[in-house]
Amino acid sequence: MKIKKGDKIRVMAGKDKGREGKVEKVYKKSNKILISNINVYKRHVKKNEKMPQGGIVDVPRPLDASKVMLICPKCGKATRVGFKIEKNKKLRVCKKCDSKI
């Protein structure tokens, strides 16, 4: 997967199209990512020890990685990610400005 935890991304499709956020968690097997304050749904919760009142809670859900693009830290544009090998290390590279990510 070309997106890692801590990357800044822009959503390109879906109900949150155009919004930006930071990746909190990456699920490699299912090709999904969890982004703070994006793809948030309401969930009705019964009362329990943690929530004696119960009620409606906002729950962030993972979003498919194909619906987001990485924002390059150098040029600030949403870009695809390429790879280069330098000194036996595989580096991520911005396809627009050709800088290291």
C-alpha atoms as a PDB file:
ATOM      1  CA  MET A   1       0.000   0.000   0.000  1.00  0.00           C
ATOM      2  CA  LYS A   2       1.330   3.420  -0.945  1.00  0.00           C
ATOM      3  CA  ILE A   3      -0.308   5.325   1.914  1.00  0.00           C
ATOM      4  CA  LYS A   4       1.085   5.113   5.441  1.00  0.00           C
ATOM      5  CA  LYS A   5       0.064   6.221   8.920  1.00  0.00           C
ATOM      6  CA  GLY A   6       0.591   9.961   9.418  1.00  0.00           C
ATOM      7  CA  ASP A   7       0.246  10.901   5.730  1.00  0.00           C
ATOM      8  CA  LYS A   8      -1.923  13.872   4.769  1.00  0.00           C
ATOM      9  CA  ILE A   9      -4.543  12.862   2.204  1.00  0.00           C
ATOM     10  CA  ARG A  10      -7.449  14.278   0.160  1.00  0.00           C
ATOM     11  CA  VAL A  11     -10.674  12.326  -0.434  1.00  0.00           C
ATOM     12  CA  MET A  12     -11.415  12.069  -4.170  1.00  0.00           C
ATOM     13  CA  ALA A  13     -14.752  10.185  -4.142  1.00  0.00           C
ATOM     14  CA  GLY A  14     -17.747   9.652  -1.896  1.00  0.00           C
ATOM     15  CA  LYS A  15     -19.707  11.778   0.546  1.00  0.00           C
ATOM     16  CA  ASP A  16     -16.577  13.515   1.902  1.00  0.00           C
ATOM     17  CA  LYS A  17     -15.133  14.390  -1.534  1.00  0.00           C
ATOM     18  CA  GLY A  18     -12.635  17.273  -1.358  1.00  0.00           C
ATOM     19  CA  ARG A  19     -11.975  17.026   2.379  1.00  0.00           C
ATOM     20  CA  GLU A  20      -8.463  16.584   3.756  1.00  0.00           C
ATOM     21  CA  GLY A  21      -7.260  14.685   6.789  1.00  0.00           C
ATOM     22  CA  LYS A  22      -4.481  12.716   8.418  1.00  0.00           C
ATOM     23  CA  VAL A  23      -4.279   8.911   8.318  1.00  0.00           C
ATOM     24  CA  GLU A  24      -4.725   7.374  11.782  1.00  0.00           C
ATOM     25  CA  LYS A  25      -4.587   3.678  10.926  1.00  0.00           C
ATOM     26  CA  VAL A  26      -3.947   1.493   7.867  1.00  0.00           C
ATOM     27  CA  TYR A  27      -5.640  -1.870   7.261  1.00  0.00           C
ATOM     28  CA  LYS A  28      -3.406  -3.547   4.676  1.00  0.00           C
ATOM     29  CA  LYS A  29      -5.383  -6.768   4.173  1.00  0.00           C
ATOM     30  CA  SER A  30      -8.660  -5.015   3.377  1.00  0.00           C
ATOM     31  CA  ASN A  31      -6.932  -2.054   1.609  1.00  0.00           C
ATOM     32  CA  LYS A  32      -8.678   0.501   3.865  1.00  0.00           C
ATOM     33  CA  ILE A  33      -7.534   3.487   5.883  1.00  0.00           C
ATOM     34  CA  LEU A  34      -8.982   5.279   8.906  1.00  0.00           C
ATOM     35  CA  ILE A  35      -8.895   9.081   8.686  1.00  0.00           C
ATOM     36  CA  SER A  36      -9.674  11.499  11.512  1.00  0.00           C
ATOM     37  CA  ASN A  37     -13.088  13.228  11.167  1.00  0.00           C
ATOM     38  CA  ILE A  38     -13.798  11.728   7.715  1.00  0.00           C
ATOM     39  CA  ASN A  39     -16.404   9.063   6.849  1.00  0.00           C
ATOM     40  CA  VAL A  40     -18.156   9.525  10.218  1.00  0.00           C
ATOM     41  CA  TYR A  41     -21.441   7.683  10.828  1.00  0.00           C
ATOM     42  CA  LYS A  42     -23.983   7.793  13.663  1.00  0.00           C
ATOM     43  CA  ARG A  43     -24.424   4.712  15.836  1.00  0.00           C
ATOM     44  CA  HIS A  44     -27.181   4.111  18.360  1.00  0.00           C
ATOM     45  CA  VAL A  45     -25.729   2.683  21.578  1.00  0.00           C
ATOM     46  CA  LYS A  46     -27.634   0.976  24.383  1.00  0.00           C
ATOM     47  CA  LYS A  47     -26.841   2.138  27.894  1.00  0.00           C
ATOM     48  CA  ASN A  48     -23.943   0.250  29.483  1.00  0.00           C
ATOM     49  CA  GLU A  49     -21.146   0.806  32.002  1.00  0.00           C
ATOM     50  CA  LYS A  50     -19.171   3.081  29.681  1.00  0.00           C
ATOM     51  CA  MET A  51     -22.237   5.086  28.629  1.00  0.00           C
ATOM     52  CA  PRO A  52     -24.868   5.092  31.390  1.00  0.00           C
ATOM     53  CA  GLN A  53     -27.098   7.384  29.269  1.00  0.00           C
ATOM     54  CA  GLY A  54     -26.772   5.472  26.000  1.00  0.00           C
ATOM     55  CA  GLY A  55     -27.647   7.521  22.926  1.00  0.00           C
ATOM     56  CA  ILE A  56     -26.237   8.369  19.513  1.00  0.00           C
ATOM     57  CA  VAL A  57     -22.459   8.267  19.005  1.00  0.00           C
ATOM     58  CA  ASP A  58     -20.294   9.413  16.072  1.00  0.00           C
ATOM     59  CA  VAL A  59     -18.184   6.513  14.776  1.00  0.00           C
ATOM     60  CA  PRO A  60     -15.441   6.964  12.132  1.00  0.00           C
ATOM     61  CA  ARG A  61     -15.338   4.128   9.602  1.00  0.00           C
ATOM     62  CA  PRO A  62     -12.436   3.035   7.398  1.00  0.00           C
ATOM     63  CA  LEU A  63     -12.401   4.319   3.824  1.00  0.00           C
ATOM     64  CA  ASP A  64     -11.081   2.427   0.804  1.00  0.00           C
ATOM     65  CA  ALA A  65      -7.559   3.536  -0.132  1.00  0.00           C
ATOM     66  CA  SER A  66      -8.537   3.858  -3.805  1.00  0.00           C
ATOM     67  CA  LYS A  67     -10.804   6.807  -2.935  1.00  0.00           C
ATOM     68  CA  VAL A  68      -7.995   8.988  -1.569  1.00  0.00           C
ATOM     69  CA  MET A  69      -4.841  10.650  -2.886  1.00  0.00           C
ATOM     70  CA  LEU A  70      -1.714  11.588  -1.000  1.00  0.00           C
ATOM     71  CA  ILE A  71      -0.904  15.299  -0.625  1.00  0.00           C
ATOM     72  CA  CYS A  72       2.767  15.987  -1.379  1.00  0.00           C
ATOM     73  CA  PRO A  73       4.472  17.795   1.531  1.00  0.00           C
ATOM     74  CA  LYS A  74       6.650  19.797  -0.893  1.00  0.00           C
ATOM     75  CA  CYS A  75       4.289  20.961  -3.675  1.00  0.00           C
ATOM     76  CA  GLY A  76       1.022  20.675  -1.694  1.00  0.00           C
ATOM     77  CA  LYS A  77      -0.878  18.957  -4.528  1.00  0.00           C
ATOM     78  CA  ALA A  78      -2.815  15.693  -4.510  1.00  0.00           C
ATOM     79  CA  THR A  79      -0.566  13.254  -6.306  1.00  0.00           C
ATOM     80  CA  ARG A  80       0.033   9.637  -7.175  1.00  0.00           C
ATOM     81  CA  VAL A  81       2.916   7.857  -5.501  1.00  0.00           C
ATOM     82  CA  GLY A  82       5.874   6.280  -7.267  1.00  0.00           C
ATOM     83  CA  PHE A  83       8.882   4.387  -5.988  1.00  0.00           C
ATOM     84  CA  LYS A  84      12.633   4.804  -6.489  1.00  0.00           C
ATOM     85  CA  ILE A  85      15.455   2.656  -5.189  1.00  0.00           C
ATOM     86  CA  GLU A  86      18.456   4.507  -3.748  1.00  0.00           C
ATOM     87  CA  LYS A  87      21.279   2.779  -1.851  1.00  0.00           C
ATOM     88  CA  ASN A  88      19.242  -0.420  -1.363  1.00  0.00           C
ATOM     89  CA  LYS A  89      16.287   1.557   0.066  1.00  0.00           C
ATOM     90  CA  LYS A  90      12.872   1.850  -1.531  1.00  0.00           C
ATOM     91  CA  LEU A  91      11.658   5.468  -1.346  1.00  0.00           C
ATOM     92  CA  ARG A  92       8.236   6.937  -2.057  1.00  0.00           C
ATOM     93  CA  VAL A  93       8.269   9.710  -4.664  1.00  0.00           C
ATOM     94  CA  CYS A  94       5.743  12.384  -5.710  1.00  0.00           C
ATOM     95  CA  LYS A  95       4.769  11.883  -9.379  1.00  0.00           C
ATOM     96  CA  LYS A  96       4.191  15.632  -9.919  1.00  0.00           C
ATOM     97  CA  CYS A  97       7.315  17.273  -8.481  1.00  0.00           C
ATOM     98  CA  ASP A  98       9.550  14.162  -8.234  1.00  0.00           C
ATOM     99  CA  SER A  99      10.464  14.852  -4.592  1.00  0.00           C
ATOM    100  CA  LYS A 100      10.845  12.285  -1.787  1.00  0.00           C
ATOM    101  CA  ILE A 101       7.885  11.745   0.521  1.00  0.00           C
END
